[in-house]
N, C-alpha and C. Protein backbone atom coordinates (compact mmCIF):
# COMPACT_ATOMS: atom_id res chain seq x y z
N MET A 1 43.53 -66.67 31.17
CA MET A 1 42.92 -65.38 31.41
C MET A 1 42.74 -65.23 32.91
N SER A 2 43.18 -64.12 33.44
CA SER A 2 43.06 -63.90 34.88
C SER A 2 41.62 -63.54 35.23
N TRP A 3 41.31 -63.65 36.53
CA TRP A 3 39.94 -63.39 37.00
C TRP A 3 39.50 -61.96 36.71
N SER A 4 40.39 -60.98 36.88
CA SER A 4 40.01 -59.58 36.62
C SER A 4 39.75 -59.34 35.15
N ASP A 5 40.49 -60.04 34.26
CA ASP A 5 40.23 -59.91 32.82
C ASP A 5 38.86 -60.49 32.47
N ARG A 6 38.48 -61.58 33.12
CA ARG A 6 37.16 -62.18 32.88
C ARG A 6 36.05 -61.23 33.30
N ARG A 7 36.24 -60.54 34.40
CA ARG A 7 35.23 -59.57 34.86
C ARG A 7 35.04 -58.46 33.83
N LYS A 8 36.13 -57.97 33.26
CA LYS A 8 36.04 -56.91 32.25
C LYS A 8 35.29 -57.40 31.02
N VAL A 9 35.59 -58.62 30.59
CA VAL A 9 34.92 -59.19 29.43
C VAL A 9 33.43 -59.36 29.72
N LEU A 10 33.10 -59.89 30.89
CA LEU A 10 31.69 -60.06 31.25
C LEU A 10 30.96 -58.73 31.34
N ALA A 11 31.62 -57.71 31.88
CA ALA A 11 31.00 -56.38 31.97
C ALA A 11 30.73 -55.82 30.58
N LEU A 12 31.66 -55.99 29.66
CA LEU A 12 31.46 -55.51 28.29
C LEU A 12 30.33 -56.27 27.61
N LEU A 13 30.28 -57.59 27.83
CA LEU A 13 29.20 -58.38 27.24
C LEU A 13 27.84 -57.98 27.82
N ALA A 14 27.78 -57.65 29.10
CA ALA A 14 26.53 -57.23 29.72
C ALA A 14 26.07 -55.87 29.20
N ALA A 15 27.00 -54.99 28.89
CA ALA A 15 26.66 -53.65 28.41
C ALA A 15 26.32 -53.64 26.92
N ALA A 16 26.74 -54.63 26.17
CA ALA A 16 26.53 -54.65 24.72
C ALA A 16 25.07 -54.54 24.31
N PRO A 17 24.13 -55.28 24.95
CA PRO A 17 22.73 -55.13 24.53
C PRO A 17 22.19 -53.72 24.74
N LEU A 18 22.63 -53.02 25.79
CA LEU A 18 22.17 -51.66 26.02
C LEU A 18 22.64 -50.73 24.92
N ALA A 19 23.86 -50.89 24.49
CA ALA A 19 24.38 -50.05 23.42
C ALA A 19 23.67 -50.34 22.11
N ALA A 20 23.32 -51.59 21.86
CA ALA A 20 22.67 -51.98 20.62
C ALA A 20 21.23 -51.49 20.53
N CYS A 21 20.56 -51.33 21.66
CA CYS A 21 19.15 -50.94 21.62
C CYS A 21 18.97 -49.43 21.60
N GLY A 22 20.03 -48.66 21.64
CA GLY A 22 19.92 -47.21 21.62
C GLY A 22 19.63 -46.62 22.97
N PHE A 23 19.93 -47.32 24.03
CA PHE A 23 19.71 -46.83 25.38
C PHE A 23 20.48 -45.53 25.62
N SER A 24 19.79 -44.56 26.20
CA SER A 24 20.48 -43.34 26.62
C SER A 24 19.83 -42.90 27.93
N PRO A 25 20.61 -42.41 28.85
CA PRO A 25 20.06 -41.99 30.15
C PRO A 25 19.06 -40.85 29.99
N ALA A 26 17.94 -40.95 30.70
CA ALA A 26 16.89 -39.93 30.59
C ALA A 26 17.34 -38.58 31.09
N TYR A 27 18.19 -38.55 32.12
CA TYR A 27 18.60 -37.28 32.71
C TYR A 27 19.89 -36.72 32.12
N ALA A 28 20.45 -37.38 31.13
CA ALA A 28 21.67 -36.87 30.49
C ALA A 28 21.33 -35.68 29.61
N PRO A 29 22.29 -34.81 29.35
CA PRO A 29 22.03 -33.71 28.40
C PRO A 29 21.55 -34.28 27.07
N GLY A 30 20.44 -33.75 26.60
CA GLY A 30 19.83 -34.25 25.38
C GLY A 30 18.84 -35.38 25.63
N GLY A 31 18.75 -35.88 26.86
CA GLY A 31 17.81 -36.95 27.19
C GLY A 31 16.40 -36.41 27.36
N ALA A 32 15.45 -37.33 27.47
CA ALA A 32 14.03 -36.95 27.56
C ALA A 32 13.74 -36.08 28.77
N ALA A 33 14.30 -36.41 29.91
CA ALA A 33 14.04 -35.61 31.11
C ALA A 33 14.66 -34.23 30.98
N HIS A 34 15.78 -34.16 30.33
CA HIS A 34 16.45 -32.87 30.13
C HIS A 34 15.60 -31.96 29.25
N ALA A 35 14.89 -32.54 28.26
CA ALA A 35 14.03 -31.75 27.38
C ALA A 35 12.85 -31.15 28.12
N LEU A 36 12.41 -31.79 29.20
CA LEU A 36 11.27 -31.29 29.97
C LEU A 36 11.68 -30.35 31.11
N ARG A 37 12.94 -30.39 31.48
CA ARG A 37 13.42 -29.62 32.63
C ARG A 37 13.18 -28.13 32.41
N GLU A 38 12.46 -27.50 33.32
CA GLU A 38 12.12 -26.07 33.29
C GLU A 38 11.40 -25.65 32.00
N ALA A 39 10.68 -26.61 31.38
CA ALA A 39 9.97 -26.31 30.14
C ALA A 39 8.48 -26.61 30.23
N VAL A 40 7.98 -26.98 31.43
CA VAL A 40 6.58 -27.37 31.57
C VAL A 40 5.88 -26.42 32.54
N ALA A 41 4.90 -25.69 32.03
CA ALA A 41 4.06 -24.84 32.87
C ALA A 41 2.94 -25.71 33.44
N LEU A 42 2.69 -25.56 34.73
CA LEU A 42 1.69 -26.39 35.39
C LEU A 42 0.38 -25.63 35.58
N ALA A 43 -0.72 -26.37 35.50
CA ALA A 43 -2.02 -25.79 35.83
C ALA A 43 -2.03 -25.44 37.31
N GLU A 44 -2.77 -24.42 37.69
CA GLU A 44 -2.82 -23.98 39.08
C GLU A 44 -3.56 -24.98 39.95
N PRO A 45 -3.04 -25.26 41.14
CA PRO A 45 -3.76 -26.16 42.06
C PRO A 45 -5.01 -25.50 42.62
N LYS A 46 -6.01 -26.32 42.93
CA LYS A 46 -7.28 -25.80 43.45
C LYS A 46 -7.51 -26.16 44.91
N ASP A 47 -6.75 -27.11 45.45
CA ASP A 47 -6.91 -27.52 46.84
C ASP A 47 -5.59 -28.02 47.40
N ARG A 48 -5.61 -28.51 48.63
CA ARG A 48 -4.37 -28.94 49.29
C ARG A 48 -3.72 -30.12 48.55
N ASP A 49 -4.52 -31.11 48.13
CA ASP A 49 -3.97 -32.22 47.37
C ASP A 49 -3.32 -31.72 46.08
N GLY A 50 -4.00 -30.81 45.41
CA GLY A 50 -3.46 -30.25 44.18
C GLY A 50 -2.16 -29.49 44.42
N PHE A 51 -2.10 -28.78 45.53
CA PHE A 51 -0.88 -28.05 45.86
C PHE A 51 0.28 -29.02 46.08
N ASP A 52 0.05 -30.09 46.85
CA ASP A 52 1.10 -31.08 47.10
C ASP A 52 1.53 -31.77 45.80
N PHE A 53 0.56 -32.08 44.94
CA PHE A 53 0.84 -32.71 43.65
C PHE A 53 1.68 -31.79 42.77
N ALA A 54 1.24 -30.54 42.63
CA ALA A 54 1.96 -29.57 41.79
C ALA A 54 3.34 -29.27 42.35
N ASN A 55 3.46 -29.21 43.66
CA ASN A 55 4.75 -28.95 44.29
C ASN A 55 5.74 -30.06 43.95
N ARG A 56 5.29 -31.31 43.99
CA ARG A 56 6.19 -32.42 43.66
C ARG A 56 6.55 -32.40 42.17
N LEU A 57 5.58 -32.10 41.32
CA LEU A 57 5.89 -31.98 39.89
C LEU A 57 6.95 -30.92 39.65
N GLN A 58 6.80 -29.79 40.34
CA GLN A 58 7.76 -28.71 40.19
C GLN A 58 9.14 -29.10 40.73
N ASP A 59 9.17 -29.87 41.83
CA ASP A 59 10.45 -30.38 42.34
C ASP A 59 11.15 -31.24 41.29
N ARG A 60 10.39 -32.05 40.59
CA ARG A 60 10.98 -32.99 39.63
C ARG A 60 11.27 -32.36 38.27
N LEU A 61 10.39 -31.45 37.81
CA LEU A 61 10.54 -30.88 36.47
C LEU A 61 11.16 -29.49 36.48
N GLY A 62 11.20 -28.84 37.62
CA GLY A 62 11.71 -27.48 37.71
C GLY A 62 10.63 -26.46 37.40
N ARG A 63 10.86 -25.24 37.85
CA ARG A 63 9.92 -24.14 37.58
C ARG A 63 10.11 -23.71 36.14
N ALA A 64 9.02 -23.57 35.41
CA ALA A 64 9.09 -23.25 33.98
C ALA A 64 9.57 -21.83 33.77
N SER A 65 10.81 -21.69 33.32
CA SER A 65 11.35 -20.37 33.03
C SER A 65 11.09 -19.99 31.58
N ALA A 66 11.16 -20.97 30.70
CA ALA A 66 10.86 -20.76 29.28
C ALA A 66 9.97 -21.93 28.85
N ALA A 67 8.70 -21.85 29.22
CA ALA A 67 7.78 -22.97 29.00
C ALA A 67 7.57 -23.24 27.52
N ARG A 68 7.69 -24.51 27.16
CA ARG A 68 7.37 -24.99 25.82
C ARG A 68 6.13 -25.87 25.84
N PHE A 69 5.79 -26.34 27.06
CA PHE A 69 4.66 -27.24 27.24
C PHE A 69 3.79 -26.75 28.39
N ARG A 70 2.54 -27.23 28.40
CA ARG A 70 1.63 -26.99 29.52
C ARG A 70 1.15 -28.36 29.98
N LEU A 71 1.16 -28.57 31.29
CA LEU A 71 0.65 -29.82 31.83
C LEU A 71 -0.69 -29.54 32.50
N ASP A 72 -1.74 -30.06 31.88
CA ASP A 72 -3.08 -30.00 32.48
C ASP A 72 -3.26 -31.26 33.30
N TRP A 73 -3.80 -31.13 34.49
CA TRP A 73 -3.93 -32.29 35.36
C TRP A 73 -5.09 -32.13 36.33
N THR A 74 -5.57 -33.25 36.81
CA THR A 74 -6.55 -33.29 37.88
C THR A 74 -6.16 -34.44 38.81
N VAL A 75 -6.42 -34.27 40.09
CA VAL A 75 -6.18 -35.35 41.05
C VAL A 75 -7.45 -35.58 41.85
N LEU A 76 -7.63 -36.82 42.23
CA LEU A 76 -8.79 -37.21 43.02
C LEU A 76 -8.32 -38.20 44.07
N ALA A 77 -8.71 -38.00 45.32
CA ALA A 77 -8.36 -38.91 46.41
C ALA A 77 -9.61 -39.24 47.19
N GLU A 78 -9.79 -40.53 47.48
CA GLU A 78 -10.99 -40.98 48.18
C GLU A 78 -10.61 -41.95 49.30
N PRO A 79 -10.93 -41.60 50.56
CA PRO A 79 -10.66 -42.55 51.65
C PRO A 79 -11.72 -43.64 51.70
N VAL A 80 -11.26 -44.87 51.95
CA VAL A 80 -12.15 -46.02 52.04
C VAL A 80 -11.79 -46.78 53.31
N GLY A 81 -12.78 -47.10 54.12
CA GLY A 81 -12.54 -47.88 55.33
C GLY A 81 -11.98 -49.25 54.97
N ALA A 82 -10.87 -49.63 55.59
CA ALA A 82 -10.23 -50.90 55.24
C ALA A 82 -10.19 -51.88 56.40
N GLY A 83 -10.09 -51.39 57.62
CA GLY A 83 -10.06 -52.26 58.79
C GLY A 83 -11.24 -51.94 59.68
N ILE A 84 -12.08 -52.92 59.91
CA ILE A 84 -13.29 -52.68 60.68
C ILE A 84 -13.36 -53.70 61.83
N THR A 85 -13.63 -53.21 63.04
CA THR A 85 -13.76 -54.09 64.20
C THR A 85 -15.13 -54.78 64.19
N PRO A 86 -15.31 -55.81 64.98
CA PRO A 86 -16.63 -56.46 65.05
C PRO A 86 -17.75 -55.50 65.46
N SER A 87 -17.41 -54.43 66.20
CA SER A 87 -18.44 -53.47 66.59
C SER A 87 -18.70 -52.42 65.51
N GLY A 88 -17.98 -52.49 64.39
CA GLY A 88 -18.21 -51.57 63.28
C GLY A 88 -17.32 -50.35 63.25
N ALA A 89 -16.37 -50.23 64.16
CA ALA A 89 -15.44 -49.09 64.17
C ALA A 89 -14.36 -49.29 63.11
N ILE A 90 -14.08 -48.25 62.38
CA ILE A 90 -13.03 -48.32 61.35
C ILE A 90 -11.68 -48.04 62.01
N THR A 91 -10.75 -48.96 61.83
CA THR A 91 -9.42 -48.83 62.46
C THR A 91 -8.32 -48.54 61.44
N ARG A 92 -8.64 -48.64 60.16
CA ARG A 92 -7.64 -48.37 59.12
C ARG A 92 -8.36 -47.86 57.88
N TYR A 93 -7.77 -46.85 57.27
CA TYR A 93 -8.31 -46.30 56.03
C TYR A 93 -7.30 -46.50 54.91
N THR A 94 -7.82 -46.73 53.72
CA THR A 94 -7.01 -46.74 52.51
C THR A 94 -7.41 -45.52 51.70
N LEU A 95 -6.43 -44.76 51.27
CA LEU A 95 -6.68 -43.57 50.46
C LEU A 95 -6.34 -43.91 49.02
N LYS A 96 -7.37 -44.04 48.19
CA LYS A 96 -7.18 -44.36 46.78
C LYS A 96 -7.09 -43.04 46.00
N GLY A 97 -6.17 -42.99 45.06
CA GLY A 97 -6.00 -41.76 44.30
C GLY A 97 -5.79 -42.00 42.83
N ARG A 98 -6.16 -40.99 42.04
CA ARG A 98 -5.96 -41.04 40.59
C ARG A 98 -5.55 -39.65 40.13
N ALA A 99 -4.58 -39.61 39.25
CA ALA A 99 -4.17 -38.36 38.61
C ALA A 99 -4.30 -38.53 37.10
N SER A 100 -5.02 -37.63 36.47
CA SER A 100 -5.13 -37.60 35.02
C SER A 100 -4.32 -36.42 34.52
N TYR A 101 -3.67 -36.57 33.38
CA TYR A 101 -2.77 -35.53 32.90
C TYR A 101 -2.77 -35.47 31.37
N ALA A 102 -2.39 -34.32 30.86
CA ALA A 102 -2.19 -34.13 29.42
C ALA A 102 -1.07 -33.11 29.25
N LEU A 103 -0.03 -33.50 28.52
CA LEU A 103 1.07 -32.61 28.20
C LEU A 103 0.80 -32.02 26.82
N VAL A 104 0.68 -30.68 26.77
CA VAL A 104 0.27 -29.98 25.55
C VAL A 104 1.38 -29.03 25.13
N ARG A 105 1.70 -29.04 23.83
CA ARG A 105 2.67 -28.07 23.28
C ARG A 105 2.03 -26.69 23.28
N LEU A 106 2.78 -25.69 23.72
CA LEU A 106 2.25 -24.33 23.72
C LEU A 106 2.17 -23.77 22.30
N ASP A 107 3.12 -24.14 21.45
CA ASP A 107 3.06 -23.68 20.06
C ASP A 107 2.29 -24.72 19.23
N GLY A 108 1.05 -24.47 18.99
CA GLY A 108 0.24 -25.37 18.18
C GLY A 108 -0.87 -26.05 18.97
N GLY A 109 -0.68 -26.26 20.24
CA GLY A 109 -1.74 -26.82 21.07
C GLY A 109 -1.97 -28.32 20.95
N GLN A 110 -1.08 -29.05 20.27
CA GLN A 110 -1.30 -30.49 20.16
C GLN A 110 -0.87 -31.20 21.45
N THR A 111 -1.59 -32.27 21.77
CA THR A 111 -1.29 -33.06 22.96
C THR A 111 -0.13 -34.00 22.65
N VAL A 112 0.93 -33.91 23.45
CA VAL A 112 2.10 -34.77 23.28
C VAL A 112 1.81 -36.15 23.87
N THR A 113 1.28 -36.17 25.07
CA THR A 113 0.91 -37.42 25.74
C THR A 113 -0.15 -37.12 26.79
N SER A 114 -0.93 -38.13 27.11
CA SER A 114 -1.94 -37.98 28.15
C SER A 114 -2.21 -39.36 28.76
N GLY A 115 -2.84 -39.35 29.88
CA GLY A 115 -3.17 -40.61 30.53
C GLY A 115 -3.58 -40.39 31.97
N SER A 116 -3.58 -41.47 32.73
CA SER A 116 -3.88 -41.37 34.15
C SER A 116 -3.08 -42.43 34.89
N VAL A 117 -2.82 -42.16 36.16
CA VAL A 117 -2.11 -43.08 37.03
C VAL A 117 -2.93 -43.25 38.31
N ASP A 118 -2.80 -44.42 38.92
CA ASP A 118 -3.53 -44.74 40.14
C ASP A 118 -2.55 -45.23 41.20
N SER A 119 -2.87 -44.98 42.44
CA SER A 119 -2.11 -45.54 43.54
C SER A 119 -2.93 -45.44 44.81
N PHE A 120 -2.34 -45.87 45.91
CA PHE A 120 -3.04 -45.80 47.19
C PHE A 120 -2.01 -45.71 48.31
N THR A 121 -2.48 -45.28 49.44
CA THR A 121 -1.70 -45.32 50.67
C THR A 121 -2.70 -45.51 51.81
N SER A 122 -2.22 -45.71 53.00
CA SER A 122 -3.12 -46.01 54.13
C SER A 122 -2.69 -45.27 55.38
N TRP A 123 -3.60 -45.22 56.33
CA TRP A 123 -3.26 -44.76 57.66
C TRP A 123 -4.14 -45.48 58.66
N SER A 124 -3.65 -45.53 59.87
CA SER A 124 -4.32 -46.26 60.94
C SER A 124 -5.02 -45.29 61.87
N THR A 125 -6.12 -45.74 62.45
CA THR A 125 -6.84 -44.97 63.46
C THR A 125 -6.89 -45.79 64.73
N SER A 126 -7.26 -45.15 65.81
CA SER A 126 -7.43 -45.88 67.06
C SER A 126 -8.47 -45.18 67.91
N GLY A 127 -8.32 -45.13 69.22
CA GLY A 127 -9.30 -44.62 70.19
C GLY A 127 -10.00 -43.34 69.81
N SER A 128 -10.65 -42.71 70.80
CA SER A 128 -11.45 -41.54 70.50
C SER A 128 -11.13 -40.34 71.40
N THR A 129 -9.98 -40.32 72.02
CA THR A 129 -9.63 -39.16 72.83
C THR A 129 -9.26 -38.00 71.92
N VAL A 130 -9.21 -36.81 72.50
CA VAL A 130 -8.89 -35.62 71.72
C VAL A 130 -7.50 -35.74 71.10
N ALA A 131 -6.52 -36.22 71.86
CA ALA A 131 -5.16 -36.37 71.34
C ALA A 131 -5.13 -37.36 70.19
N THR A 132 -5.89 -38.44 70.30
CA THR A 132 -5.93 -39.44 69.24
C THR A 132 -6.60 -38.87 67.99
N LEU A 133 -7.67 -38.11 68.18
CA LEU A 133 -8.34 -37.48 67.03
C LEU A 133 -7.39 -36.54 66.31
N SER A 134 -6.62 -35.78 67.05
CA SER A 134 -5.65 -34.89 66.44
C SER A 134 -4.59 -35.67 65.68
N ALA A 135 -4.13 -36.76 66.26
CA ALA A 135 -3.13 -37.61 65.60
C ALA A 135 -3.70 -38.22 64.33
N GLU A 136 -4.98 -38.60 64.36
CA GLU A 136 -5.62 -39.19 63.17
C GLU A 136 -5.70 -38.17 62.05
N GLN A 137 -6.02 -36.91 62.37
CA GLN A 137 -6.05 -35.87 61.35
C GLN A 137 -4.68 -35.70 60.72
N SER A 138 -3.66 -35.69 61.57
CA SER A 138 -2.29 -35.56 61.07
C SER A 138 -1.92 -36.75 60.19
N ALA A 139 -2.31 -37.96 60.60
CA ALA A 139 -2.03 -39.16 59.82
C ALA A 139 -2.74 -39.12 58.48
N GLU A 140 -3.98 -38.62 58.48
CA GLU A 140 -4.72 -38.51 57.22
C GLU A 140 -4.08 -37.49 56.29
N GLN A 141 -3.69 -36.34 56.82
CA GLN A 141 -3.02 -35.33 56.00
C GLN A 141 -1.71 -35.87 55.43
N ASP A 142 -0.97 -36.61 56.25
CA ASP A 142 0.28 -37.21 55.79
C ASP A 142 0.02 -38.23 54.68
N ALA A 143 -1.05 -39.01 54.81
CA ALA A 143 -1.40 -39.99 53.78
C ALA A 143 -1.73 -39.28 52.48
N HIS A 144 -2.46 -38.17 52.55
CA HIS A 144 -2.78 -37.39 51.34
C HIS A 144 -1.49 -36.88 50.70
N ARG A 145 -0.59 -36.34 51.50
CA ARG A 145 0.68 -35.81 50.98
C ARG A 145 1.50 -36.92 50.31
N ARG A 146 1.59 -38.07 50.97
CA ARG A 146 2.33 -39.21 50.41
C ARG A 146 1.72 -39.66 49.09
N LEU A 147 0.39 -39.72 49.05
CA LEU A 147 -0.28 -40.15 47.83
C LEU A 147 -0.01 -39.19 46.68
N MET A 148 -0.06 -37.89 46.94
CA MET A 148 0.19 -36.91 45.89
C MET A 148 1.63 -37.02 45.37
N ILE A 149 2.57 -37.29 46.24
CA ILE A 149 3.97 -37.48 45.81
C ILE A 149 4.09 -38.72 44.93
N ILE A 150 3.44 -39.80 45.34
CA ILE A 150 3.48 -41.04 44.55
C ILE A 150 2.89 -40.80 43.17
N LEU A 151 1.72 -40.16 43.12
CA LEU A 151 1.06 -39.91 41.84
C LEU A 151 1.90 -38.98 40.95
N ALA A 152 2.46 -37.93 41.54
CA ALA A 152 3.28 -37.00 40.75
C ALA A 152 4.51 -37.71 40.20
N ASP A 153 5.15 -38.55 41.00
CA ASP A 153 6.32 -39.29 40.51
C ASP A 153 5.95 -40.23 39.36
N GLN A 154 4.77 -40.84 39.44
CA GLN A 154 4.32 -41.70 38.35
C GLN A 154 4.06 -40.89 37.08
N VAL A 155 3.45 -39.73 37.23
CA VAL A 155 3.20 -38.87 36.07
C VAL A 155 4.51 -38.44 35.44
N VAL A 156 5.49 -38.04 36.24
CA VAL A 156 6.79 -37.62 35.71
C VAL A 156 7.45 -38.77 34.96
N ALA A 157 7.37 -39.98 35.50
CA ALA A 157 7.95 -41.14 34.82
C ALA A 157 7.29 -41.35 33.45
N ARG A 158 5.98 -41.19 33.39
CA ARG A 158 5.27 -41.33 32.11
C ARG A 158 5.64 -40.21 31.14
N LEU A 159 5.78 -38.99 31.66
CA LEU A 159 6.16 -37.87 30.81
C LEU A 159 7.55 -38.09 30.21
N ILE A 160 8.47 -38.56 31.04
CA ILE A 160 9.83 -38.80 30.55
C ILE A 160 9.83 -39.89 29.49
N ALA A 161 9.04 -40.93 29.70
CA ALA A 161 8.98 -42.02 28.73
C ALA A 161 8.43 -41.57 27.37
N ALA A 162 7.52 -40.58 27.39
CA ALA A 162 6.88 -40.14 26.15
C ALA A 162 7.38 -38.77 25.68
N ALA A 163 8.40 -38.23 26.33
CA ALA A 163 8.86 -36.87 26.04
C ALA A 163 9.40 -36.74 24.63
N PRO A 164 9.12 -35.61 24.02
CA PRO A 164 9.71 -35.34 22.69
C PRO A 164 11.19 -35.03 22.84
N GLN A 165 11.96 -35.38 21.87
CA GLN A 165 13.42 -35.11 21.90
C GLN A 165 13.71 -33.72 21.41
């Protein structure tokens, strides 16, 4: 048996367990992600974090043109001092976040899936000049935006895993 024939046999053997377990790509036509695409109406955001969270959900799920589901959600982000100098100045913050969600069928109102996801991100601080303070605000806003993207991606992954066919 030539080396290239062995590679083909090994590739077929590696793919066999996936075929046996009923694996199907989530984003393929008829897959779980396809069932949610442009079918989920989102609750309105109430603040900047909510706007960033909802925007990412919409990027991933599409704008609901013919909604079959409603996604109720809340997000919470809390900065916590993580790096402290001997004099007590905070030099690094960790932004802890949690998103709770519930996917509800519009026809009947039953909850398809619900849960919560957690994550964190950080940003660094330094001196106290006006330019540094401005940079710190920008770093904090960026950390909030990154956290909302992380949380939204986790929620979408959970929705796809539990999506109705």
